Amino acid sequence: QVQLVESGGGLVQTGGSLRLSCVAPGTIFGASTMAWYRQAPGRPRDWVATISRAGIPQPLNSLKDRFTISRDNAKNTLYLEMKNVKLEDTATYYCKFVSGNDEYWGQGIQVTVTP
């Protein structure tokens, strides 16, 4: 019943930038803590950043100078802005919403960084 729709992935050269979006139903958006994860081939799914219900961002320390998590409550949209991308940023990126004890995941979107 609950579907998260991701967009904004694709090919990007090293040093470039892009923005991922994740749209959620309004029925869960306002009550949810939100996060981004990523998974590279052969690696576990790693946490990237979280933003609280109050809008306070908390990124992974190693990414906080390049990645920014934000949310627009009026548009029911979660964002991940990626700047100065590196080859190791290549992965499938997933958004996650947590509402109470319920978790909802996006379908995953591919980001491929080229030389």
PDB file of N, CA and C in Angstrom:
ATOM      1  N   GLN A   1       0.819  -1.197   0.000  1.00  0.00           N
ATOM      2  CA  GLN A   1       0.000   0.000   0.000  1.00  0.00           C
ATOM      3  C   GLN A   1       0.862   1.259   0.000  1.00  0.00           C
ATOM      4  N   VAL A   2       1.938   1.252   0.779  1.00  0.00           N
ATOM      5  CA  VAL A   2       2.842   2.389   0.848  1.00  0.00           C
ATOM      6  C   VAL A   2       3.962   2.188  -0.157  1.00  0.00           C
ATOM      7  N   GLN A   3       4.140   3.161  -1.030  1.00  0.00           N
ATOM      8  CA  GLN A   3       5.158   3.094  -2.064  1.00  0.00           C
ATOM      9  C   GLN A   3       6.013   4.355  -2.042  1.00  0.00           C
ATOM     10  N   LEU A   4       7.323   4.168  -2.010  1.00  0.00           N
ATOM     11  CA  LEU A   4       8.271   5.265  -2.107  1.00  0.00           C
ATOM     12  C   LEU A   4       8.856   5.260  -3.511  1.00  0.00           C
ATOM     13  N   VAL A   5       8.842   6.406  -4.175  1.00  0.00           N
ATOM     14  CA  VAL A   5       9.268   6.509  -5.559  1.00  0.00           C
ATOM     15  C   VAL A   5      10.533   7.344  -5.632  1.00  0.00           C
ATOM     16  N   GLU A   6      11.619   6.717  -6.096  1.00  0.00           N
ATOM     17  CA  GLU A   6      12.905   7.383  -6.198  1.00  0.00           C
ATOM     18  C   GLU A   6      13.176   7.818  -7.629  1.00  0.00           C
ATOM     19  N   SER A   7      13.943   8.894  -7.772  1.00  0.00           N
ATOM     20  CA  SER A   7      14.347   9.384  -9.077  1.00  0.00           C
ATOM     21  C   SER A   7      15.629  10.183  -8.937  1.00  0.00           C
ATOM     22  N   GLY A   8      16.251  10.502 -10.078  1.00  0.00           N
ATOM     23  CA  GLY A   8      17.409  11.378 -10.083  1.00  0.00           C
ATOM     24  C   GLY A   8      18.750  10.703 -10.270  1.00  0.00           C
ATOM     25  N   GLY A   9      18.782   9.387 -10.376  1.00  0.00           N
ATOM     26  CA  GLY A   9      20.035   8.690 -10.564  1.00  0.00           C
ATOM     27  C   GLY A   9      20.504   8.737 -12.009  1.00  0.00           C
ATOM     28  N   GLY A  10      21.622   8.066 -12.258  1.00  0.00           N
ATOM     29  CA  GLY A  10      22.165   8.000 -13.604  1.00  0.00           C
ATOM     30  C   GLY A  10      23.675   8.054 -13.602  1.00  0.00           C
ATOM     31  N   LEU A  11      24.220   8.416 -14.749  1.00  0.00           N
ATOM     32  CA  LEU A  11      25.665   8.526 -14.930  1.00  0.00           C
ATOM     33  C   LEU A  11      26.141   9.932 -14.586  1.00  0.00           C
ATOM     34  N   VAL A  12      27.269   9.999 -13.924  1.00  0.00           N
ATOM     35  CA  VAL A  12      27.865  11.286 -13.595  1.00  0.00           C
ATOM     36  C   VAL A  12      29.376  11.120 -13.543  1.00  0.00           C
ATOM     37  N   GLN A  13      30.102  12.109 -14.026  1.00  0.00           N
ATOM     38  CA  GLN A  13      31.560  12.054 -14.007  1.00  0.00           C
ATOM     39  C   GLN A  13      32.096  12.422 -12.630  1.00  0.00           C
ATOM     40  N   THR A  14      33.283  11.926 -12.338  1.00  0.00           N
ATOM     41  CA  THR A  14      33.930  12.306 -11.089  1.00  0.00           C
ATOM     42  C   THR A  14      34.017  13.821 -10.988  1.00  0.00           C
ATOM     43  N   GLY A  15      33.746  14.321  -9.794  1.00  0.00           N
ATOM     44  CA  GLY A  15      33.727  15.751  -9.576  1.00  0.00           C
ATOM     45  C   GLY A  15      32.396  16.410  -9.845  1.00  0.00           C
ATOM     46  N   GLY A  16      31.482  15.693 -10.471  1.00  0.00           N
ATOM     47  CA  GLY A  16      30.180  16.238 -10.777  1.00  0.00           C
ATOM     48  C   GLY A  16      29.220  16.136  -9.611  1.00  0.00           C
ATOM     49  N   SER A  17      27.965  16.439  -9.891  1.00  0.00           N
ATOM     50  CA  SER A  17      26.953  16.430  -8.848  1.00  0.00           C
ATOM     51  C   SER A  17      25.624  15.941  -9.395  1.00  0.00           C
ATOM     52  N   LEU A  18      24.765  15.492  -8.507  1.00  0.00           N
ATOM     53  CA  LEU A  18      23.403  15.143  -8.840  1.00  0.00           C
ATOM     54  C   LEU A  18      22.567  15.161  -7.576  1.00  0.00           C
ATOM     55  N   ARG A  19      21.260  15.086  -7.759  1.00  0.00           N
ATOM     56  CA  ARG A  19      20.341  15.089  -6.634  1.00  0.00           C
ATOM     57  C   ARG A  19      19.339  13.965  -6.777  1.00  0.00           C
ATOM     58  N   LEU A  20      19.248  13.152  -5.750  1.00  0.00           N
ATOM     59  CA  LEU A  20      18.267  12.082  -5.697  1.00  0.00           C
ATOM     60  C   LEU A  20      17.019  12.563  -4.970  1.00  0.00           C
ATOM     61  N   SER A  21      15.870  12.084  -5.410  1.00  0.00           N
ATOM     62  CA  SER A  21      14.603  12.432  -4.786  1.00  0.00           C
ATOM     63  C   SER A  21      13.857  11.170  -4.407  1.00  0.00           C
ATOM     64  N   CYS A  22      13.058  11.270  -3.369  1.00  0.00           N
ATOM     65  CA  CYS A  22      12.229  10.164  -2.909  1.00  0.00           C
ATOM     66  C   CYS A  22      10.896  10.738  -2.452  1.00  0.00           C
ATOM     67  N   VAL A  23       9.831  10.364  -3.136  1.00  0.00           N
ATOM     68  CA  VAL A  23       8.497  10.876  -2.839  1.00  0.00           C
ATOM     69  C   VAL A  23       7.701   9.817  -2.091  1.00  0.00           C
ATOM     70  N   ALA A  24       7.089  10.212  -1.000  1.00  0.00           N
ATOM     71  CA  ALA A  24       6.315   9.311  -0.164  1.00  0.00           C
ATOM     72  C   ALA A  24       4.870   9.784  -0.066  1.00  0.00           C
ATOM     73  N   PRO A  25       3.959   8.887   0.281  1.00  0.00           N
ATOM     74  CA  PRO A  25       2.577   9.322   0.501  1.00  0.00           C
ATOM     75  C   PRO A  25       2.487  10.315   1.654  1.00  0.00           C
ATOM     76  N   GLY A  26       1.623  11.275   1.508  1.00  0.00           N
ATOM     77  CA  GLY A  26       1.447  12.264   2.550  1.00  0.00           C
ATOM     78  C   GLY A  26       0.982  11.685   3.866  1.00  0.00           C
ATOM     79  N   THR A  27       0.367  10.513   3.820  1.00  0.00           N
ATOM     80  CA  THR A  27      -0.133   9.886   5.030  1.00  0.00           C
ATOM     81  C   THR A  27       0.971   9.447   5.975  1.00  0.00           C
ATOM     82  N   ILE A  28       2.181   9.245   5.480  1.00  0.00           N
ATOM     83  CA  ILE A  28       3.291   8.826   6.326  1.00  0.00           C
ATOM     84  C   ILE A  28       4.419   9.838   6.377  1.00  0.00           C
ATOM     85  N   PHE A  29       4.463  10.779   5.456  1.00  0.00           N
ATOM     86  CA  PHE A  29       5.633  11.643   5.332  1.00  0.00           C
ATOM     87  C   PHE A  29       5.874  12.450   6.608  1.00  0.00           C
ATOM     88  N   GLY A  30       4.876  13.139   7.069  1.00  0.00           N
ATOM     89  CA  GLY A  30       5.048  14.038   8.202  1.00  0.00           C
ATOM     90  C   GLY A  30       5.414  13.348   9.500  1.00  0.00           C
ATOM     91  N   ALA A  31       5.080  12.089   9.634  1.00  0.00           N
ATOM     92  CA  ALA A  31       5.314  11.353  10.866  1.00  0.00           C
ATOM     93  C   ALA A  31       6.582  10.510  10.827  1.00  0.00           C
ATOM     94  N   SER A  32       7.360  10.604   9.759  1.00  0.00           N
ATOM     95  CA  SER A  32       8.459   9.679   9.535  1.00  0.00           C
ATOM     96  C   SER A  32       9.830  10.297   9.752  1.00  0.00           C
ATOM     97  N   THR A  33      10.716   9.485  10.301  1.00  0.00           N
ATOM     98  CA  THR A  33      12.147   9.721  10.193  1.00  0.00           C
ATOM     99  C   THR A  33      12.606   9.140   8.857  1.00  0.00           C
ATOM    100  N   MET A  34      13.509   9.830   8.178  1.00  0.00           N
ATOM    101  CA  MET A  34      13.899   9.444   6.828  1.00  0.00           C
ATOM    102  C   MET A  34      15.399   9.255   6.721  1.00  0.00           C
ATOM    103  N   ALA A  35      15.808   8.396   5.801  1.00  0.00           N
ATOM    104  CA  ALA A  35      17.222   8.091   5.656  1.00  0.00           C
ATOM    105  C   ALA A  35      17.532   7.669   4.236  1.00  0.00           C
ATOM    106  N   TRP A  36      18.806   7.767   3.895  1.00  0.00           N
ATOM    107  CA  TRP A  36      19.345   7.218   2.658  1.00  0.00           C
ATOM    108  C   TRP A  36      20.370   6.143   2.989  1.00  0.00           C
ATOM    109  N   TYR A  37      20.347   5.076   2.202  1.00  0.00           N
ATOM    110  CA  TYR A  37      21.324   4.008   2.257  1.00  0.00           C
ATOM    111  C   TYR A  37      21.868   3.775   0.856  1.00  0.00           C
ATOM    112  N   ARG A  38      23.002   3.094   0.779  1.00  0.00           N
ATOM    113  CA  ARG A  38      23.520   2.721  -0.530  1.00  0.00           C
ATOM    114  C   ARG A  38      24.172   1.352  -0.452  1.00  0.00           C
ATOM    115  N   GLN A  39      24.172   0.668  -1.587  1.00  0.00           N
ATOM    116  CA  GLN A  39      24.734  -0.665  -1.665  1.00  0.00           C
ATOM    117  C   GLN A  39      25.489  -0.815  -2.976  1.00  0.00           C
ATOM    118  N   ALA A  40      26.786  -1.055  -2.866  1.00  0.00           N
ATOM    119  CA  ALA A  40      27.623  -1.321  -4.024  1.00  0.00           C
ATOM    120  C   ALA A  40      27.687  -2.824  -4.249  1.00  0.00           C
ATOM    121  N   PRO A  41      27.964  -3.255  -5.477  1.00  0.00           N
ATOM    122  CA  PRO A  41      28.062  -4.696  -5.749  1.00  0.00           C
ATOM    123  C   PRO A  41      29.061  -5.383  -4.836  1.00  0.00           C
ATOM    124  N   GLY A  42      28.631  -6.485  -4.233  1.00  0.00           N
ATOM    125  CA  GLY A  42      29.494  -7.239  -3.351  1.00  0.00           C
ATOM    126  C   GLY A  42      29.693  -6.652  -1.976  1.00  0.00           C
ATOM    127  N   ARG A  43      28.981  -5.582  -1.662  1.00  0.00           N
ATOM    128  CA  ARG A  43      29.109  -4.937  -0.369  1.00  0.00           C
ATOM    129  C   ARG A  43      27.761  -4.893   0.336  1.00  0.00           C
ATOM    130  N   PRO A  44      27.775  -4.748   1.663  1.00  0.00           N
ATOM    131  CA  PRO A  44      26.507  -4.640   2.381  1.00  0.00           C
ATOM    132  C   PRO A  44      25.855  -3.289   2.139  1.00  0.00           C
ATOM    133  N   ARG A  45      24.590  -3.212   2.473  1.00  0.00           N
ATOM    134  CA  ARG A  45      23.883  -1.951   2.368  1.00  0.00           C
ATOM    135  C   ARG A  45      24.305  -1.044   3.525  1.00  0.00           C
ATOM    136  N   ASP A  46      24.868   0.102   3.194  1.00  0.00           N
ATOM    137  CA  ASP A  46      25.435   1.012   4.176  1.00  0.00           C
ATOM    138  C   ASP A  46      24.557   2.234   4.369  1.00  0.00           C
ATOM    139  N   TRP A  47      24.467   2.673   5.593  1.00  0.00           N
ATOM    140  CA  TRP A  47      23.762   3.896   5.917  1.00  0.00           C
ATOM    141  C   TRP A  47      24.544   5.111   5.416  1.00  0.00           C
ATOM    142  N   VAL A  48      23.838   6.088   4.884  1.00  0.00           N
ATOM    143  CA  VAL A  48      24.445   7.302   4.347  1.00  0.00           C
ATOM    144  C   VAL A  48      24.099   8.519   5.185  1.00  0.00           C
ATOM    145  N   ALA A  49      22.814   8.719   5.463  1.00  0.00           N
ATOM    146  CA  ALA A  49      22.387   9.906   6.197  1.00  0.00           C
ATOM    147  C   ALA A  49      20.970   9.716   6.693  1.00  0.00           C
ATOM    148  N   THR A  50      20.634  10.425   7.760  1.00  0.00           N
ATOM    149  CA  THR A  50      19.304  10.423   8.342  1.00  0.00           C
ATOM    150  C   THR A  50      18.850  11.857   8.572  1.00  0.00           C
ATOM    151  N   ILE A  51      17.566  12.094   8.455  1.00  0.00           N
ATOM    152  CA  ILE A  51      16.995  13.371   8.837  1.00  0.00           C
ATOM    153  C   ILE A  51      15.788  13.098   9.729  1.00  0.00           C
ATOM    154  N   SER A  52      15.727  13.802  10.846  1.00  0.00           N
ATOM    155  CA  SER A  52      14.713  13.541  11.849  1.00  0.00           C
ATOM    156  C   SER A  52      13.380  14.156  11.463  1.00  0.00           C
ATOM    157  N   ARG A  53      12.363  13.834  12.263  1.00  0.00           N
ATOM    158  CA  ARG A  53      11.049  14.437  12.055  1.00  0.00           C
ATOM    159  C   ARG A  53      11.090  15.949  12.219  1.00  0.00           C
ATOM    160  N   ALA A  54      12.028  16.438  13.016  1.00  0.00           N
ATOM    161  CA  ALA A  54      12.197  17.869  13.202  1.00  0.00           C
ATOM    162  C   ALA A  54      13.055  18.515  12.120  1.00  0.00           C
ATOM    163  N   GLY A  55      13.587  17.721  11.183  1.00  0.00           N
ATOM    164  CA  GLY A  55      14.377  18.253  10.097  1.00  0.00           C
ATOM    165  C   GLY A  55      15.858  18.383  10.384  1.00  0.00           C
ATOM    166  N   ILE A  56      16.349  17.710  11.415  1.00  0.00           N
ATOM    167  CA  ILE A  56      17.761  17.777  11.771  1.00  0.00           C
ATOM    168  C   ILE A  56      18.527  16.715  10.998  1.00  0.00           C
ATOM    169  N   PRO A  57      19.503  17.110  10.160  1.00  0.00           N
ATOM    170  CA  PRO A  57      20.247  16.123   9.378  1.00  0.00           C
ATOM    171  C   PRO A  57      21.395  15.506  10.156  1.00  0.00           C
ATOM    172  N   GLN A  58      21.682  14.261   9.865  1.00  0.00           N
ATOM    173  CA  GLN A  58      22.814  13.556  10.445  1.00  0.00           C
ATOM    174  C   GLN A  58      23.419  12.664   9.374  1.00  0.00           C
ATOM    175  N   PRO A  59      24.471  13.126   8.702  1.00  0.00           N
ATOM    176  CA  PRO A  59      25.106  12.316   7.662  1.00  0.00           C
ATOM    177  C   PRO A  59      26.238  11.473   8.214  1.00  0.00           C
ATOM    178  N   LEU A  60      26.642  10.475   7.429  1.00  0.00           N
ATOM    179  CA  LEU A  60      27.841   9.726   7.737  1.00  0.00           C
ATOM    180  C   LEU A  60      29.025  10.685   7.744  1.00  0.00           C
ATOM    181  N   ASN A  61      29.891  10.554   8.738  1.00  0.00           N
ATOM    182  CA  ASN A  61      30.990  11.503   8.895  1.00  0.00           C
ATOM    183  C   ASN A  61      31.867  11.608   7.649  1.00  0.00           C
ATOM    184  N   SER A  62      32.142  10.492   7.000  1.00  0.00           N
ATOM    185  CA  SER A  62      33.020  10.498   5.846  1.00  0.00           C
ATOM    186  C   SER A  62      32.391  11.137   4.611  1.00  0.00           C
ATOM    187  N   LEU A  63      31.103  11.401   4.646  1.00  0.00           N
ATOM    188  CA  LEU A  63      30.391  11.966   3.503  1.00  0.00           C
ATOM    189  C   LEU A  63      29.830  13.349   3.758  1.00  0.00           C
ATOM    190  N   LYS A  64      29.888  13.820   4.979  1.00  0.00           N
ATOM    191  CA  LYS A  64      29.150  15.015   5.350  1.00  0.00           C
ATOM    192  C   LYS A  64      29.634  16.282   4.652  1.00  0.00           C
ATOM    193  N   ASP A  65      30.850  16.285   4.117  1.00  0.00           N
ATOM    194  CA  ASP A  65      31.337  17.452   3.392  1.00  0.00           C
ATOM    195  C   ASP A  65      30.963  17.431   1.918  1.00  0.00           C
ATOM    196  N   ARG A  66      30.347  16.351   1.451  1.00  0.00           N
ATOM    197  CA  ARG A  66      29.958  16.236   0.051  1.00  0.00           C
ATOM    198  C   ARG A  66      28.480  15.934  -0.147  1.00  0.00           C
ATOM    199  N   PHE A  67      27.851  15.255   0.804  1.00  0.00           N
ATOM    200  CA  PHE A  67      26.448  14.851   0.681  1.00  0.00           C
ATOM    201  C   PHE A  67      25.591  15.657   1.642  1.00  0.00           C
ATOM    202  N   THR A  68      24.415  16.041   1.191  1.00  0.00           N
ATOM    203  CA  THR A  68      23.470  16.775   2.015  1.00  0.00           C
ATOM    204  C   THR A  68      22.095  16.125   1.933  1.00  0.00           C
ATOM    205  N   ILE A  69      21.534  15.794   3.084  1.00  0.00           N
ATOM    206  CA  ILE A  69      20.186  15.256   3.142  1.00  0.00           C
ATOM    207  C   ILE A  69      19.233  16.379   3.547  1.00  0.00           C
ATOM    208  N   SER A  70      18.076  16.412   2.916  1.00  0.00           N
ATOM    209  CA  SER A  70      17.085  17.428   3.242  1.00  0.00           C
ATOM    210  C   SER A  70      15.700  16.883   2.935  1.00  0.00           C
ATOM    211  N   ARG A  71      14.693  17.598   3.384  1.00  0.00           N
ATOM    212  CA  ARG A  71      13.317  17.181   3.137  1.00  0.00           C
ATOM    213  C   ARG A  71      12.455  18.406   2.894  1.00  0.00           C
ATOM    214  N   ASP A  72      11.439  18.240   2.073  1.00  0.00           N
ATOM    215  CA  ASP A  72      10.465  19.279   1.794  1.00  0.00           C
ATOM    216  C   ASP A  72       9.103  18.718   2.156  1.00  0.00           C
ATOM    217  N   ASN A  73       8.607  19.111   3.309  1.00  0.00           N
ATOM    218  CA  ASN A  73       7.352  18.548   3.797  1.00  0.00           C
ATOM    219  C   ASN A  73       6.168  18.915   2.913  1.00  0.00           C
ATOM    220  N   ALA A  74       6.205  20.095   2.316  1.00  0.00           N
ATOM    221  CA  ALA A  74       5.112  20.520   1.457  1.00  0.00           C
ATOM    222  C   ALA A  74       5.007  19.677   0.198  1.00  0.00           C
ATOM    223  N   LYS A  75       6.139  19.121  -0.258  1.00  0.00           N
ATOM    224  CA  LYS A  75       6.169  18.306  -1.468  1.00  0.00           C
ATOM    225  C   LYS A  75       6.260  16.816  -1.184  1.00  0.00           C
ATOM    226  N   ASN A  76       6.241  16.440   0.083  1.00  0.00           N
ATOM    227  CA  ASN A  76       6.366  15.031   0.477  1.00  0.00           C
ATOM    228  C   ASN A  76       7.599  14.385  -0.149  1.00  0.00           C
ATOM    229  N   THR A  77       8.709  15.109  -0.165  1.00  0.00           N
ATOM    230  CA  THR A  77       9.898  14.658  -0.873  1.00  0.00           C
ATOM    231  C   THR A  77      11.134  14.712   0.010  1.00  0.00           C
ATOM    232  N   LEU A  78      11.907  13.650  -0.043  1.00  0.00           N
ATOM    233  CA  LEU A  78      13.209  13.547   0.590  1.00  0.00           C
ATOM    234  C   LEU A  78      14.279  13.681  -0.490  1.00  0.00           C
ATOM    235  N   TYR A  79      15.373  14.385  -0.182  1.00  0.00           N
ATOM    236  CA  TYR A  79      16.437  14.612  -1.147  1.00  0.00           C
ATOM    237  C   TYR A  79      17.786  14.149  -0.608  1.00  0.00           C
ATOM    238  N   LEU A  80      18.658  13.779  -1.530  1.00  0.00           N
ATOM    239  CA  LEU A  80      20.069  13.597  -1.238  1.00  0.00           C
ATOM    240  C   LEU A  80      20.857  14.309  -2.327  1.00  0.00           C
ATOM    241  N   GLU A  81      21.528  15.383  -1.953  1.00  0.00           N
ATOM    242  CA  GLU A  81      22.375  16.109  -2.891  1.00  0.00           C
ATOM    243  C   GLU A  81      23.796  15.589  -2.776  1.00  0.00           C
ATOM    244  N   MET A  82      24.360  15.173  -3.902  1.00  0.00           N
ATOM    245  CA  MET A  82      25.693  14.611  -3.953  1.00  0.00           C
ATOM    246  C   MET A  82      26.572  15.552  -4.762  1.00  0.00           C
ATOM    247  N   LYS A  83      27.664  16.008  -4.160  1.00  0.00           N
ATOM    248  CA  LYS A  83      28.600  16.906  -4.819  1.00  0.00           C
ATOM    249  C   LYS A  83      29.990  16.289  -4.850  1.00  0.00           C
ATOM    250  N   ASN A  84      30.780  16.730  -5.848  1.00  0.00           N
ATOM    251  CA  ASN A  84      32.154  16.244  -5.992  1.00  0.00           C
ATOM    252  C   ASN A  84      32.194  14.723  -5.882  1.00  0.00           C
ATOM    253  N   VAL A  85      31.407  14.067  -6.695  1.00  0.00           N
ATOM    254  CA  VAL A  85      31.274  12.621  -6.583  1.00  0.00           C
ATOM    255  C   VAL A  85      32.577  11.922  -6.950  1.00  0.00           C
ATOM    256  N   LYS A  86      32.783  10.771  -6.339  1.00  0.00           N
ATOM    257  CA  LYS A  86      33.968   9.962  -6.549  1.00  0.00           C
ATOM    258  C   LYS A  86      33.562   8.597  -7.083  1.00  0.00           C
ATOM    259  N   LEU A  87      34.527   7.874  -7.636  1.00  0.00           N
ATOM    260  CA  LEU A  87      34.242   6.565  -8.200  1.00  0.00           C
ATOM    261  C   LEU A  87      33.608   5.646  -7.160  1.00  0.00           C
ATOM    262  N   GLU A  88      34.037   5.747  -5.920  1.00  0.00           N
ATOM    263  CA  GLU A  88      33.520   4.872  -4.875  1.00  0.00           C
ATOM    264  C   GLU A  88      32.089   5.193  -4.456  1.00  0.00           C
ATOM    265  N   ASP A  89      31.527   6.278  -4.993  1.00  0.00           N
ATOM    266  CA  ASP A  89      30.125   6.587  -4.740  1.00  0.00           C
ATOM    267  C   ASP A  89      29.186   5.754  -5.599  1.00  0.00           C
ATOM    268  N   THR A  90      29.718   5.031  -6.568  1.00  0.00           N
ATOM    269  CA  THR A  90      28.891   4.179  -7.413  1.00  0.00           C
ATOM    270  C   THR A  90      28.174   3.137  -6.562  1.00  0.00           C
ATOM    271  N   ALA A  91      26.851   3.108  -6.648  1.00  0.00           N
ATOM    272  CA  ALA A  91      26.050   2.205  -5.829  1.00  0.00           C
ATOM    273  C   ALA A  91      24.586   2.350  -6.215  1.00  0.00           C
ATOM    274  N   THR A  92      23.780   1.450  -5.677  1.00  0.00           N
ATOM    275  CA  THR A  92      22.338   1.613  -5.711  1.00  0.00           C
ATOM    276  C   THR A  92      21.917   2.327  -4.433  1.00  0.00           C
ATOM    277  N   TYR A  93      21.175   3.398  -4.579  1.00  0.00           N
ATOM    278  CA  TYR A  93      20.782   4.219  -3.447  1.00  0.00           C
ATOM    279  C   TYR A  93      19.320   3.981  -3.116  1.00  0.00           C
ATOM    280  N   TYR A  94      19.032   3.831  -1.817  1.00  0.00           N
ATOM    281  CA  TYR A  94      17.697   3.535  -1.327  1.00  0.00           C
ATOM    282  C   TYR A  94      17.267   4.574  -0.300  1.00  0.00           C
ATOM    283  N   CYS A  95      16.035   5.032  -0.406  1.00  0.00           N
ATOM    284  CA  CYS A  95      15.468   5.839   0.662  1.00  0.00           C
ATOM    285  C   CYS A  95      14.688   4.934   1.607  1.00  0.00           C
ATOM    286  N   LYS A  96      14.608   5.357   2.858  1.00  0.00           N
ATOM    287  CA  LYS A  96      13.879   4.606   3.868  1.00  0.00           C
ATOM    288  C   LYS A  96      13.106   5.567   4.764  1.00  0.00           C
ATOM    289  N   PHE A  97      11.862   5.231   5.002  1.00  0.00           N
ATOM    290  CA  PHE A  97      11.027   5.975   5.931  1.00  0.00           C
ATOM    291  C   PHE A  97      10.693   5.076   7.107  1.00  0.00           C
ATOM    292  N   VAL A  98      10.734   5.639   8.298  1.00  0.00           N
ATOM    293  CA  VAL A  98      10.356   4.920   9.509  1.00  0.00           C
ATOM    294  C   VAL A  98       9.238   5.683  10.180  1.00  0.00           C
ATOM    295  N   SER A  99       8.104   5.028  10.318  1.00  0.00           N
ATOM    296  CA  SER A  99       6.943   5.617  10.964  1.00  0.00           C
ATOM    297  C   SER A  99       6.500   4.676  12.073  1.00  0.00           C
ATOM    298  N   GLY A 100       6.697   5.108  13.320  1.00  0.00           N
ATOM    299  CA  GLY A 100       6.456   4.211  14.435  1.00  0.00           C
ATOM    300  C   GLY A 100       7.391   3.025  14.349  1.00  0.00           C
ATOM    301  N   ASN A 101       6.831   1.831  14.335  1.00  0.00           N
ATOM    302  CA  ASN A 101       7.613   0.615  14.190  1.00  0.00           C
ATOM    303  C   ASN A 101       7.628   0.075  12.766  1.00  0.00           C
ATOM    304  N   ASP A 102       7.127   0.834  11.819  1.00  0.00           N
ATOM    305  CA  ASP A 102       7.044   0.404  10.425  1.00  0.00           C
ATOM    306  C   ASP A 102       8.161   1.009   9.597  1.00  0.00           C
ATOM    307  N   GLU A 103       8.746   0.204   8.718  1.00  0.00           N
ATOM    308  CA  GLU A 103       9.774   0.643   7.784  1.00  0.00           C
ATOM    309  C   GLU A 103       9.267   0.520   6.356  1.00  0.00           C
ATOM    310  N   TYR A 104       9.612   1.501   5.540  1.00  0.00           N
ATOM    311  CA  TYR A 104       9.268   1.495   4.124  1.00  0.00           C
ATOM    312  C   TYR A 104      10.513   1.844   3.328  1.00  0.00           C
ATOM    313  N   TRP A 105      10.755   1.097   2.260  1.00  0.00           N
ATOM    314  CA  TRP A 105      11.941   1.278   1.422  1.00  0.00           C
ATOM    315  C   TRP A 105      11.566   1.662   0.005  1.00  0.00           C
ATOM    316  N   GLY A 106      12.387   2.528  -0.589  1.00  0.00           N
ATOM    317  CA  GLY A 106      12.267   2.796  -2.005  1.00  0.00           C
ATOM    318  C   GLY A 106      12.778   1.633  -2.825  1.00  0.00           C
ATOM    319  N   GLN A 107      12.559   1.704  -4.132  1.00  0.00           N
ATOM    320  CA  GLN A 107      12.924   0.593  -5.011  1.00  0.00           C
ATOM    321  C   GLN A 107      14.418   0.527  -5.298  1.00  0.00           C
ATOM    322  N   GLY A 108      15.142   1.574  -4.985  1.00  0.00           N
ATOM    323  CA  GLY A 108      16.553   1.663  -5.293  1.00  0.00           C
ATOM    324  C   GLY A 108      16.780   2.343  -6.623  1.00  0.00           C
ATOM    325  N   ILE A 109      17.790   3.180  -6.691  1.00  0.00           N
ATOM    326  CA  ILE A 109      18.121   3.878  -7.930  1.00  0.00           C
ATOM    327  C   ILE A 109      19.635   3.873  -8.100  1.00  0.00           C
ATOM    328  N   GLN A 110      20.074   3.622  -9.326  1.00  0.00           N
ATOM    329  CA  GLN A 110      21.493   3.444  -9.606  1.00  0.00           C
ATOM    330  C   GLN A 110      22.190   4.781  -9.828  1.00  0.00           C
ATOM    331  N   VAL A 111      23.322   4.936  -9.181  1.00  0.00           N
ATOM    332  CA  VAL A 111      24.240   6.043  -9.442  1.00  0.00           C
ATOM    333  C   VAL A 111      25.560   5.439  -9.885  1.00  0.00           C
ATOM    334  N   THR A 112      26.009   5.814 -11.072  1.00  0.00           N
ATOM    335  CA  THR A 112      27.263   5.307 -11.610  1.00  0.00           C
ATOM    336  C   THR A 112      28.191   6.477 -11.897  1.00  0.00           C
ATOM    337  N   VAL A 113      29.329   6.482 -11.245  1.00  0.00           N
ATOM    338  CA  VAL A 113      30.311   7.548 -11.411  1.00  0.00           C
ATOM    339  C   VAL A 113      31.382   7.072 -12.383  1.00  0.00           C
ATOM    340  N   THR A 114      31.637   7.861 -13.407  1.00  0.00           N
ATOM    341  CA  THR A 114      32.601   7.509 -14.449  1.00  0.00           C
ATOM    342  C   THR A 114      33.855   8.358 -14.316  1.00  0.00           C
ATOM    343  N   PRO A 115      34.984   7.858 -14.840  1.00  0.00           N
ATOM    344  CA  PRO A 115      36.236   8.609 -14.753  1.00  0.00           C
ATOM    345  C   PRO A 115      36.170   9.955 -15.453  1.00  0.00           C
TER     346      PRO A 115
END
